[in-house]
C-alpha cells in the first residue's frame, strides 16, 4: 500500500466543534506550561535577590568592631579599670590586643590617660 492510500484510508472527518475544542485544550496546555516556567524563574529570581540582600546587609551593617576577641563597648566600659591596672591578667591582655588594633578605642584610651 502506498503512503497516499494509507493516509487517505486512516483519515476521519472531524465532528463539529472538535477542532475548536482541540485548539482550546492546546492553548490551555501552553498557558499552564508558560505559568510553570514563569513562576520557576520568578521564584529563582526572588531567592537570588534575597540572598544578595542578605550579603549586602551583612557587609553594610554597623556591627561593633571585634578586635582581639572583644567588642569596643566592652573595652570602653573597662578602660578606667584597665588604666588603673585593676583588671585580671586575661582581660587586660585582651584589651591590650584590642587597643593595638582599634583606632577608636586608642583615642578613647588617650582621653582617659590625659
Protein backbone atom coordinates (compact mmCIF):
# COMPACT_ATOMS: atom_id res chain seq x y z
CA UNK A 1 0.00 0.00 0.00
CA UNK A 2 1.35 3.40 -0.87
CA UNK A 3 1.68 6.18 1.65
CA UNK A 4 -1.06 8.22 -0.01
CA UNK A 5 -3.56 5.36 0.11
CA UNK A 6 -2.66 4.61 3.75
CA UNK A 7 -3.08 8.29 4.68
CA UNK A 8 -6.42 8.50 2.94
CA UNK A 9 -7.68 5.28 4.47
CA UNK A 10 -6.84 6.45 8.03
CA UNK A 11 -8.48 9.81 7.56
CA UNK A 12 -11.61 10.54 9.52
CA UNK A 13 -13.55 13.72 9.32
CA UNK A 14 -13.89 15.84 12.46
CA UNK A 15 -17.13 16.28 14.25
CA UNK A 16 -18.41 19.85 14.53
CA UNK A 17 -16.52 21.65 17.32
CA UNK A 18 -13.64 19.12 17.53
CA UNK A 19 -11.04 21.49 16.09
CA UNK A 20 -12.17 24.32 18.31
CA UNK A 21 -12.03 22.05 21.38
CA UNK A 22 -8.58 20.80 20.39
CA UNK A 23 -7.31 24.36 19.87
CA UNK A 24 -8.74 25.39 23.25
CA UNK A 25 -7.07 22.43 25.01
CA UNK A 26 -3.76 23.17 23.26
CA UNK A 27 -3.91 26.82 24.28
CA UNK A 28 -4.71 25.88 27.90
CA UNK A 29 -1.75 23.47 27.94
CA UNK A 30 0.59 26.13 26.58
CA UNK A 31 -0.64 28.64 29.17
CA UNK A 32 -0.03 26.16 32.02
CA UNK A 33 3.48 25.45 30.76
CA UNK A 34 4.17 29.17 30.50
CA UNK A 35 2.93 29.78 34.05
CA UNK A 36 5.06 26.96 35.44
CA UNK A 37 8.18 28.22 33.69
CA UNK A 38 7.47 31.83 34.65
CA UNK A 39 6.83 31.01 38.30
CA UNK A 40 10.04 28.96 38.44
CA UNK A 41 12.03 31.85 37.02
CA UNK A 42 10.33 34.33 39.32
CA UNK A 43 10.92 32.14 42.38
CA UNK A 44 14.58 31.69 41.49
CA UNK A 45 14.98 35.41 40.91
CA UNK A 46 13.39 36.24 44.24
CA UNK A 47 15.63 33.79 46.07
CA UNK A 48 18.69 35.25 44.36
CA UNK A 49 17.64 38.77 45.28
CA UNK A 50 17.03 37.76 48.89
CA UNK A 51 20.48 36.17 49.05
CA UNK A 52 22.14 39.24 47.58
CA UNK A 53 20.29 41.49 50.02
CA UNK A 54 21.44 39.34 52.94
CA UNK A 55 25.04 39.60 51.77
CA UNK A 56 24.70 43.36 51.24
CA UNK A 57 23.12 43.81 54.67
CA UNK A 58 25.93 41.89 56.37
CA UNK A 59 28.55 43.94 54.57
CA UNK A 60 26.95 47.29 55.35
CA UNK A 61 25.59 46.70 58.84
CA UNK A 62 27.22 48.73 61.51
CA UNK A 63 28.36 45.84 63.64
CA UNK A 64 30.59 46.68 66.53
CA UNK A 65 34.28 46.02 65.78
CA UNK A 66 35.69 42.92 67.43
CA UNK A 67 39.45 43.38 67.61
CA UNK A 68 41.32 40.88 69.74
CA UNK A 69 38.16 38.95 70.62
CA UNK A 70 36.42 41.78 72.49
CA UNK A 71 33.97 44.41 71.24
CA UNK A 72 34.57 48.13 71.57
CA UNK A 73 31.74 48.74 74.04
CA UNK A 74 33.19 46.23 76.48
CA UNK A 75 36.67 47.70 76.11
CA UNK A 76 35.42 51.24 76.67
CA UNK A 77 33.45 50.23 79.74
CA UNK A 78 36.65 48.76 81.22
CA UNK A 79 39.14 51.43 80.13
CA UNK A 80 39.31 53.19 83.51
CA UNK A 81 39.95 49.93 85.33
CA UNK A 82 42.47 48.92 82.65
CA UNK A 83 44.33 52.25 83.02
CA UNK A 84 44.47 51.72 86.81
CA UNK A 85 45.62 48.06 86.43
CA UNK A 86 42.56 46.76 88.27
CA UNK A 87 41.61 44.01 85.77
CA UNK A 88 42.66 40.37 85.80
CA UNK A 89 45.51 39.35 83.51
CA UNK A 90 43.36 37.67 80.84
CA UNK A 91 41.01 40.63 80.37
CA UNK A 92 43.91 43.09 80.47
CA UNK A 93 45.72 41.18 77.74
CA UNK A 94 42.56 41.01 75.60
CA UNK A 95 42.03 44.75 75.98
CA UNK A 96 45.72 45.43 75.21
CA UNK A 97 45.40 43.46 71.95
CA UNK A 98 42.19 45.29 71.10
CA UNK A 99 43.79 48.66 71.76
CA UNK A 100 46.71 47.80 69.49
CA UNK A 101 44.31 47.24 66.58
CA UNK A 102 41.39 49.66 67.14
CA UNK A 103 41.97 53.36 66.44
CA UNK A 104 38.66 54.39 68.05
CA UNK A 105 39.47 52.74 71.37
CA UNK A 106 43.04 54.02 71.20
CA UNK A 107 41.63 57.56 71.04
CA UNK A 108 39.32 56.83 73.98
CA UNK A 109 42.28 55.48 75.97
CA UNK A 110 44.30 58.60 75.24
CA UNK A 111 41.46 60.76 76.59
CA UNK A 112 41.34 58.72 79.80
CA UNK A 113 45.13 58.83 80.18
CA UNK A 114 45.27 62.60 79.70
